[in-house]
Amino acid sequence: MKAQSKAYYKAMTEVHKPRLQPPAHLSEAHRLVWCRTVDNLPHDWFSIEQEPTLLAYCCHVVRFAQIEAALATLDPVADLDQFDRLAKLAGNESAKLASHARAMRLTQQTRLKAETAFSRGGAAAATWDADGLRGDGLLA
């Protein structure tokens, strides 16, 4: 029988590493975003050092969903000031969550080469969607 290499044993221990678990204090909505983000990627994508960035990303995703739900209830003509304030907040949250997503290499731009991006096409799985996260940040 052939002796196994060090690389083989290293790979085997990597496979059995547990996924990064959400902190206990997270709300249901934050936990949902966390789990969908972590579970959507290879098991070793996140390390403990990335926990603060992942936590901030989850907070911004939930907050963005809450703001968008509030925006959906407003009539932009009748309540222009409130609509404008919420739209600016939504833009800020969107920029922050995109920044965290790029830092953790979650965006398609950071995972695909320009030459192969078109040919790989297809829809990517969302880390949150309308079915799982309501606008108030709670599970549907």
N, C-alpha and C. Protein backbone atom coordinates (compact mmCIF):
# COMPACT_ATOMS: atom_id res chain seq x y z
N MET A 1 0.84 -1.19 0.00
CA MET A 1 0.00 0.00 0.00
C MET A 1 0.88 1.24 0.00
N LYS A 2 0.52 2.21 -0.80
CA LYS A 2 1.30 3.44 -0.94
C LYS A 2 1.16 4.32 0.31
N ALA A 3 2.27 4.88 0.77
CA ALA A 3 2.24 5.77 1.94
C ALA A 3 1.59 7.10 1.52
N GLN A 4 0.77 7.63 2.40
CA GLN A 4 0.08 8.88 2.12
C GLN A 4 1.03 10.06 2.36
N SER A 5 0.92 11.07 1.53
CA SER A 5 1.78 12.24 1.64
C SER A 5 1.29 13.18 2.73
N LYS A 6 2.15 14.11 3.11
CA LYS A 6 1.76 15.13 4.09
C LYS A 6 0.61 15.98 3.56
N ALA A 7 0.62 16.25 2.26
CA ALA A 7 -0.44 17.05 1.64
C ALA A 7 -1.78 16.34 1.78
N TYR A 8 -1.78 15.02 1.64
CA TYR A 8 -3.02 14.25 1.78
C TYR A 8 -3.58 14.41 3.20
N TYR A 9 -2.72 14.25 4.20
CA TYR A 9 -3.19 14.36 5.59
C TYR A 9 -3.63 15.77 5.92
N LYS A 10 -2.93 16.76 5.38
CA LYS A 10 -3.35 18.15 5.59
C LYS A 10 -4.72 18.39 4.97
N ALA A 11 -4.92 17.87 3.76
CA ALA A 11 -6.21 18.03 3.09
C ALA A 11 -7.32 17.34 3.88
N MET A 12 -7.04 16.18 4.42
CA MET A 12 -8.05 15.45 5.19
C MET A 12 -8.44 16.20 6.46
N THR A 13 -7.48 16.83 7.14
CA THR A 13 -7.82 17.58 8.34
C THR A 13 -8.58 18.85 7.99
N GLU A 14 -8.27 19.45 6.84
CA GLU A 14 -8.99 20.65 6.41
C GLU A 14 -10.46 20.33 6.15
N VAL A 15 -10.74 19.18 5.55
CA VAL A 15 -12.11 18.80 5.23
C VAL A 15 -12.95 18.68 6.50
N HIS A 16 -12.35 18.27 7.57
CA HIS A 16 -13.08 18.03 8.81
C HIS A 16 -13.13 19.24 9.74
N LYS A 17 -12.59 20.36 9.30
CA LYS A 17 -12.70 21.58 10.09
C LYS A 17 -14.16 22.01 10.10
N PRO A 18 -14.69 22.39 11.26
CA PRO A 18 -16.08 22.86 11.27
C PRO A 18 -16.21 24.24 10.62
N ARG A 19 -17.38 24.49 10.07
CA ARG A 19 -17.64 25.81 9.49
C ARG A 19 -17.70 26.84 10.61
N LEU A 20 -17.40 28.07 10.25
CA LEU A 20 -17.47 29.17 11.21
C LEU A 20 -18.92 29.34 11.66
N GLN A 21 -19.16 29.22 12.94
CA GLN A 21 -20.51 29.28 13.49
C GLN A 21 -20.87 30.72 13.89
N PRO A 22 -22.15 31.08 13.77
CA PRO A 22 -22.57 32.44 14.15
C PRO A 22 -22.48 32.63 15.66
N PRO A 23 -22.14 33.83 16.10
CA PRO A 23 -22.12 34.10 17.54
C PRO A 23 -23.51 33.90 18.15
N ALA A 24 -23.56 33.53 19.39
CA ALA A 24 -24.82 33.20 20.07
C ALA A 24 -25.75 34.40 20.18
N HIS A 25 -25.22 35.61 20.22
CA HIS A 25 -26.04 36.80 20.45
C HIS A 25 -26.79 37.29 19.20
N LEU A 26 -26.56 36.67 18.04
CA LEU A 26 -27.20 37.14 16.82
C LEU A 26 -28.71 36.89 16.82
N SER A 27 -29.43 37.81 16.20
CA SER A 27 -30.87 37.62 16.02
C SER A 27 -31.09 36.54 14.96
N GLU A 28 -32.34 36.12 14.81
CA GLU A 28 -32.67 35.10 13.82
C GLU A 28 -32.31 35.56 12.41
N ALA A 29 -32.62 36.80 12.11
CA ALA A 29 -32.34 37.33 10.76
C ALA A 29 -30.84 37.37 10.49
N HIS A 30 -30.07 37.84 11.45
CA HIS A 30 -28.61 37.89 11.29
C HIS A 30 -28.05 36.48 11.16
N ARG A 31 -28.56 35.56 11.96
CA ARG A 31 -28.11 34.17 11.91
C ARG A 31 -28.41 33.56 10.54
N LEU A 32 -29.58 33.88 9.98
CA LEU A 32 -29.95 33.38 8.66
C LEU A 32 -28.96 33.85 7.60
N VAL A 33 -28.65 35.14 7.60
CA VAL A 33 -27.69 35.68 6.63
C VAL A 33 -26.32 35.04 6.83
N TRP A 34 -25.89 34.92 8.08
CA TRP A 34 -24.60 34.31 8.41
C TRP A 34 -24.53 32.90 7.83
N CYS A 35 -25.51 32.07 8.17
CA CYS A 35 -25.50 30.66 7.76
C CYS A 35 -25.58 30.51 6.24
N ARG A 36 -26.41 31.31 5.60
CA ARG A 36 -26.50 31.23 4.14
C ARG A 36 -25.20 31.66 3.48
N THR A 37 -24.54 32.63 4.06
CA THR A 37 -23.27 33.10 3.49
C THR A 37 -22.19 32.04 3.67
N VAL A 38 -22.05 31.54 4.88
CA VAL A 38 -21.01 30.56 5.18
C VAL A 38 -21.28 29.24 4.46
N ASP A 39 -22.53 28.79 4.47
CA ASP A 39 -22.87 27.49 3.88
C ASP A 39 -22.81 27.50 2.35
N ASN A 40 -22.81 28.68 1.76
CA ASN A 40 -22.81 28.80 0.31
C ASN A 40 -21.40 28.73 -0.28
N LEU A 41 -20.40 28.63 0.58
CA LEU A 41 -19.01 28.65 0.14
C LEU A 41 -18.27 27.42 0.65
N PRO A 42 -17.08 27.14 0.13
CA PRO A 42 -16.32 25.99 0.63
C PRO A 42 -16.11 26.08 2.14
N HIS A 43 -16.00 24.93 2.76
CA HIS A 43 -15.95 24.87 4.23
C HIS A 43 -14.81 25.68 4.84
N ASP A 44 -13.72 25.87 4.10
CA ASP A 44 -12.57 26.58 4.66
C ASP A 44 -12.47 28.03 4.18
N TRP A 45 -13.55 28.57 3.60
CA TRP A 45 -13.52 29.92 3.06
C TRP A 45 -13.32 30.96 4.17
N PHE A 46 -13.98 30.75 5.28
CA PHE A 46 -13.91 31.71 6.39
C PHE A 46 -13.06 31.14 7.52
N SER A 47 -12.28 32.02 8.12
CA SER A 47 -11.53 31.66 9.32
C SER A 47 -11.99 32.57 10.46
N ILE A 48 -11.55 32.25 11.65
CA ILE A 48 -11.98 33.01 12.83
C ILE A 48 -11.59 34.49 12.73
N GLU A 49 -10.53 34.78 12.00
CA GLU A 49 -10.08 36.17 11.85
C GLU A 49 -11.09 37.01 11.07
N GLN A 50 -11.92 36.37 10.28
CA GLN A 50 -12.90 37.09 9.46
C GLN A 50 -14.24 37.27 10.17
N GLU A 51 -14.37 36.78 11.38
CA GLU A 51 -15.65 36.87 12.08
C GLU A 51 -16.16 38.31 12.21
N PRO A 52 -15.33 39.28 12.59
CA PRO A 52 -15.85 40.66 12.70
C PRO A 52 -16.36 41.20 11.36
N THR A 53 -15.66 40.91 10.28
CA THR A 53 -16.09 41.40 8.96
C THR A 53 -17.37 40.71 8.53
N LEU A 54 -17.47 39.41 8.77
CA LEU A 54 -18.69 38.67 8.43
C LEU A 54 -19.87 39.15 9.26
N LEU A 55 -19.63 39.44 10.53
CA LEU A 55 -20.68 39.96 11.40
C LEU A 55 -21.16 41.32 10.90
N ALA A 56 -20.23 42.19 10.54
CA ALA A 56 -20.61 43.51 10.01
C ALA A 56 -21.39 43.36 8.71
N TYR A 57 -20.97 42.44 7.85
CA TYR A 57 -21.68 42.19 6.59
C TYR A 57 -23.12 41.77 6.87
N CYS A 58 -23.31 40.84 7.81
CA CYS A 58 -24.66 40.36 8.15
C CYS A 58 -25.52 41.51 8.67
N CYS A 59 -24.95 42.35 9.51
CA CYS A 59 -25.70 43.50 10.05
C CYS A 59 -26.15 44.43 8.94
N HIS A 60 -25.26 44.69 7.99
CA HIS A 60 -25.61 45.60 6.89
C HIS A 60 -26.66 44.99 5.96
N VAL A 61 -26.60 43.68 5.75
CA VAL A 61 -27.60 43.03 4.90
C VAL A 61 -28.98 43.13 5.55
N VAL A 62 -29.05 42.84 6.84
CA VAL A 62 -30.34 42.90 7.54
C VAL A 62 -30.86 44.33 7.58
N ARG A 63 -29.99 45.29 7.90
CA ARG A 63 -30.40 46.68 7.96
C ARG A 63 -30.87 47.18 6.59
N PHE A 64 -30.17 46.78 5.53
CA PHE A 64 -30.56 47.15 4.18
C PHE A 64 -31.96 46.62 3.86
N ALA A 65 -32.23 45.38 4.24
CA ALA A 65 -33.56 44.79 4.00
C ALA A 65 -34.64 45.54 4.76
N GLN A 66 -34.34 45.96 5.97
CA GLN A 66 -35.31 46.71 6.77
C GLN A 66 -35.60 48.07 6.13
N ILE A 67 -34.56 48.74 5.69
CA ILE A 67 -34.73 50.06 5.06
C ILE A 67 -35.51 49.93 3.76
N GLU A 68 -35.19 48.92 2.96
CA GLU A 68 -35.91 48.71 1.70
C GLU A 68 -37.38 48.41 1.95
N ALA A 69 -37.69 47.68 3.01
CA ALA A 69 -39.09 47.39 3.34
C ALA A 69 -39.81 48.68 3.73
N ALA A 70 -39.14 49.54 4.47
CA ALA A 70 -39.74 50.82 4.85
C ALA A 70 -39.95 51.70 3.61
N LEU A 71 -38.99 51.68 2.71
CA LEU A 71 -39.12 52.45 1.46
C LEU A 71 -40.31 51.97 0.63
N ALA A 72 -40.54 50.69 0.63
CA ALA A 72 -41.62 50.12 -0.18
C ALA A 72 -43.00 50.57 0.30
N THR A 73 -43.09 51.00 1.55
CA THR A 73 -44.39 51.42 2.09
C THR A 73 -44.67 52.89 1.82
N LEU A 74 -43.67 53.64 1.39
CA LEU A 74 -43.83 55.08 1.19
C LEU A 74 -44.22 55.44 -0.23
N ASP A 75 -44.96 56.50 -0.34
CA ASP A 75 -45.26 57.10 -1.64
C ASP A 75 -44.23 58.20 -1.85
N PRO A 76 -43.33 58.05 -2.83
CA PRO A 76 -42.27 59.05 -2.99
C PRO A 76 -42.78 60.46 -3.27
N VAL A 77 -43.95 60.60 -3.84
CA VAL A 77 -44.49 61.92 -4.14
C VAL A 77 -45.09 62.53 -2.88
N ALA A 78 -45.84 61.75 -2.13
CA ALA A 78 -46.53 62.27 -0.95
C ALA A 78 -45.57 62.54 0.21
N ASP A 79 -44.53 61.74 0.36
CA ASP A 79 -43.62 61.90 1.50
C ASP A 79 -42.18 61.93 1.01
N LEU A 80 -41.88 62.93 0.21
CA LEU A 80 -40.58 63.02 -0.45
C LEU A 80 -39.42 63.09 0.54
N ASP A 81 -39.55 63.87 1.62
CA ASP A 81 -38.46 64.02 2.58
C ASP A 81 -38.09 62.68 3.23
N GLN A 82 -39.10 61.98 3.72
CA GLN A 82 -38.86 60.68 4.35
C GLN A 82 -38.30 59.68 3.34
N PHE A 83 -38.85 59.69 2.15
CA PHE A 83 -38.37 58.79 1.10
C PHE A 83 -36.91 59.08 0.78
N ASP A 84 -36.57 60.36 0.69
CA ASP A 84 -35.20 60.76 0.38
C ASP A 84 -34.23 60.31 1.48
N ARG A 85 -34.62 60.50 2.74
CA ARG A 85 -33.77 60.07 3.87
C ARG A 85 -33.54 58.56 3.85
N LEU A 86 -34.62 57.81 3.64
CA LEU A 86 -34.48 56.35 3.61
C LEU A 86 -33.68 55.88 2.40
N ALA A 87 -33.86 56.54 1.27
CA ALA A 87 -33.09 56.18 0.07
C ALA A 87 -31.59 56.40 0.29
N LYS A 88 -31.24 57.49 0.96
CA LYS A 88 -29.82 57.74 1.28
C LYS A 88 -29.28 56.70 2.24
N LEU A 89 -30.08 56.34 3.25
CA LEU A 89 -29.67 55.29 4.19
C LEU A 89 -29.47 53.96 3.46
N ALA A 90 -30.39 53.64 2.55
CA ALA A 90 -30.28 52.40 1.78
C ALA A 90 -29.00 52.40 0.94
N GLY A 91 -28.69 53.53 0.33
CA GLY A 91 -27.47 53.64 -0.46
C GLY A 91 -26.22 53.45 0.38
N ASN A 92 -26.22 54.04 1.58
CA ASN A 92 -25.09 53.88 2.49
C ASN A 92 -24.92 52.43 2.92
N GLU A 93 -26.03 51.78 3.28
CA GLU A 93 -25.97 50.38 3.71
C GLU A 93 -25.50 49.50 2.56
N SER A 94 -26.00 49.77 1.37
CA SER A 94 -25.61 48.99 0.21
C SER A 94 -24.11 49.10 -0.05
N ALA A 95 -23.57 50.29 0.05
CA ALA A 95 -22.14 50.50 -0.16
C ALA A 95 -21.32 49.78 0.91
N LYS A 96 -21.78 49.84 2.15
CA LYS A 96 -21.04 49.18 3.23
C LYS A 96 -21.07 47.67 3.08
N LEU A 97 -22.24 47.11 2.75
CA LEU A 97 -22.29 45.65 2.61
C LEU A 97 -21.49 45.20 1.41
N ALA A 98 -21.47 45.99 0.33
CA ALA A 98 -20.65 45.64 -0.83
C ALA A 98 -19.17 45.67 -0.48
N SER A 99 -18.78 46.63 0.33
CA SER A 99 -17.38 46.73 0.76
C SER A 99 -16.97 45.50 1.57
N HIS A 100 -17.82 45.09 2.50
CA HIS A 100 -17.53 43.89 3.29
C HIS A 100 -17.53 42.64 2.42
N ALA A 101 -18.45 42.57 1.47
CA ALA A 101 -18.51 41.41 0.57
C ALA A 101 -17.22 41.31 -0.25
N ARG A 102 -16.74 42.45 -0.74
CA ARG A 102 -15.48 42.44 -1.50
C ARG A 102 -14.31 42.03 -0.62
N ALA A 103 -14.28 42.52 0.62
CA ALA A 103 -13.19 42.19 1.52
C ALA A 103 -13.14 40.68 1.81
N MET A 104 -14.29 40.04 1.82
CA MET A 104 -14.33 38.59 2.08
C MET A 104 -14.36 37.79 0.79
N ARG A 105 -14.22 38.48 -0.34
CA ARG A 105 -14.20 37.87 -1.66
C ARG A 105 -15.49 37.10 -1.95
N LEU A 106 -16.62 37.73 -1.68
CA LEU A 106 -17.93 37.12 -1.91
C LEU A 106 -18.54 37.51 -3.24
N THR A 107 -18.05 38.57 -3.85
CA THR A 107 -18.65 39.05 -5.09
C THR A 107 -18.18 38.21 -6.28
N GLN A 108 -18.99 38.16 -7.32
CA GLN A 108 -18.61 37.41 -8.51
C GLN A 108 -17.34 37.99 -9.13
N GLN A 109 -17.19 39.28 -9.04
CA GLN A 109 -16.02 39.93 -9.63
C GLN A 109 -14.72 39.40 -9.01
N THR A 110 -14.75 39.08 -7.73
CA THR A 110 -13.53 38.60 -7.07
C THR A 110 -13.33 37.11 -7.24
N ARG A 111 -14.36 36.39 -7.71
CA ARG A 111 -14.24 34.94 -7.83
C ARG A 111 -14.12 34.44 -9.27
N LEU A 112 -14.39 35.28 -10.25
CA LEU A 112 -14.34 34.86 -11.65
C LEU A 112 -13.34 35.70 -12.42
N LYS A 113 -12.65 35.05 -13.33
CA LYS A 113 -11.78 35.79 -14.24
C LYS A 113 -12.64 36.40 -15.33
N ALA A 114 -12.26 37.54 -15.81
CA ALA A 114 -13.05 38.23 -16.84
C ALA A 114 -13.22 37.38 -18.09
N GLU A 115 -12.21 36.59 -18.41
CA GLU A 115 -12.26 35.78 -19.63
C GLU A 115 -13.31 34.67 -19.54
N THR A 116 -13.55 34.15 -18.33
CA THR A 116 -14.46 33.01 -18.18
C THR A 116 -15.79 33.39 -17.56
N ALA A 117 -15.95 34.62 -17.13
CA ALA A 117 -17.17 35.02 -16.43
C ALA A 117 -18.41 34.83 -17.29
N PHE A 118 -18.33 35.21 -18.56
CA PHE A 118 -19.51 35.09 -19.43
C PHE A 118 -19.85 33.63 -19.68
N SER A 119 -18.86 32.82 -19.92
CA SER A 119 -19.13 31.42 -20.26
C SER A 119 -19.64 30.63 -19.06
N ARG A 120 -19.34 31.06 -17.85
CA ARG A 120 -19.80 30.34 -16.66
C ARG A 120 -21.21 30.74 -16.29
N GLY A 121 -21.66 31.90 -16.74
CA GLY A 121 -23.03 32.39 -16.60
C GLY A 121 -23.83 31.77 -15.46
N GLY A 122 -25.12 31.65 -15.66
CA GLY A 122 -25.98 31.04 -14.65
C GLY A 122 -26.23 31.96 -13.48
N ALA A 123 -27.24 31.66 -12.75
CA ALA A 123 -27.60 32.48 -11.60
C ALA A 123 -26.87 31.98 -10.36
N ALA A 124 -26.28 32.90 -9.63
CA ALA A 124 -25.60 32.55 -8.38
C ALA A 124 -26.63 32.48 -7.27
N ALA A 125 -26.39 31.62 -6.31
CA ALA A 125 -27.30 31.51 -5.17
C ALA A 125 -27.15 32.74 -4.29
N ALA A 126 -28.26 33.32 -3.90
CA ALA A 126 -28.24 34.50 -3.05
C ALA A 126 -28.03 34.09 -1.60
N THR A 127 -27.35 34.96 -0.83
CA THR A 127 -27.16 34.66 0.58
C THR A 127 -28.40 35.00 1.37
N TRP A 128 -29.27 35.81 0.81
CA TRP A 128 -30.58 36.08 1.42
C TRP A 128 -31.52 36.36 0.27
N ASP A 129 -32.77 36.09 0.50
CA ASP A 129 -33.75 36.31 -0.55
C ASP A 129 -35.10 36.67 0.05
N ALA A 130 -36.02 36.98 -0.81
CA ALA A 130 -37.34 37.42 -0.36
C ALA A 130 -38.07 36.32 0.41
N ASP A 131 -37.77 35.07 0.13
CA ASP A 131 -38.46 33.98 0.82
C ASP A 131 -38.01 33.85 2.27
N GLY A 132 -36.74 34.13 2.53
CA GLY A 132 -36.21 33.86 3.85
C GLY A 132 -36.08 35.05 4.76
N LEU A 133 -35.98 36.25 4.23
CA LEU A 133 -35.74 37.43 5.06
C LEU A 133 -36.74 38.50 4.71
N ARG A 134 -37.61 38.78 5.65
CA ARG A 134 -38.61 39.83 5.41
C ARG A 134 -37.94 41.19 5.56
N GLY A 135 -38.62 42.20 5.15
CA GLY A 135 -38.07 43.54 5.21
C GLY A 135 -37.82 44.03 6.63
N ASP A 136 -38.50 43.45 7.62
CA ASP A 136 -38.24 43.87 8.99
C ASP A 136 -37.06 43.16 9.60
N GLY A 137 -36.34 42.36 8.77
CA GLY A 137 -35.15 41.69 9.23
C GLY A 137 -35.42 40.37 9.92
N LEU A 138 -36.67 39.92 9.92
CA LEU A 138 -36.99 38.67 10.57
C LEU A 138 -37.27 37.60 9.53
N LEU A 139 -37.24 36.39 9.96
CA LEU A 139 -37.51 35.29 9.05
C LEU A 139 -38.96 35.32 8.61
N ALA A 140 -39.18 34.96 7.36
CA ALA A 140 -40.55 34.91 6.84
C ALA A 140 -41.23 33.64 7.28
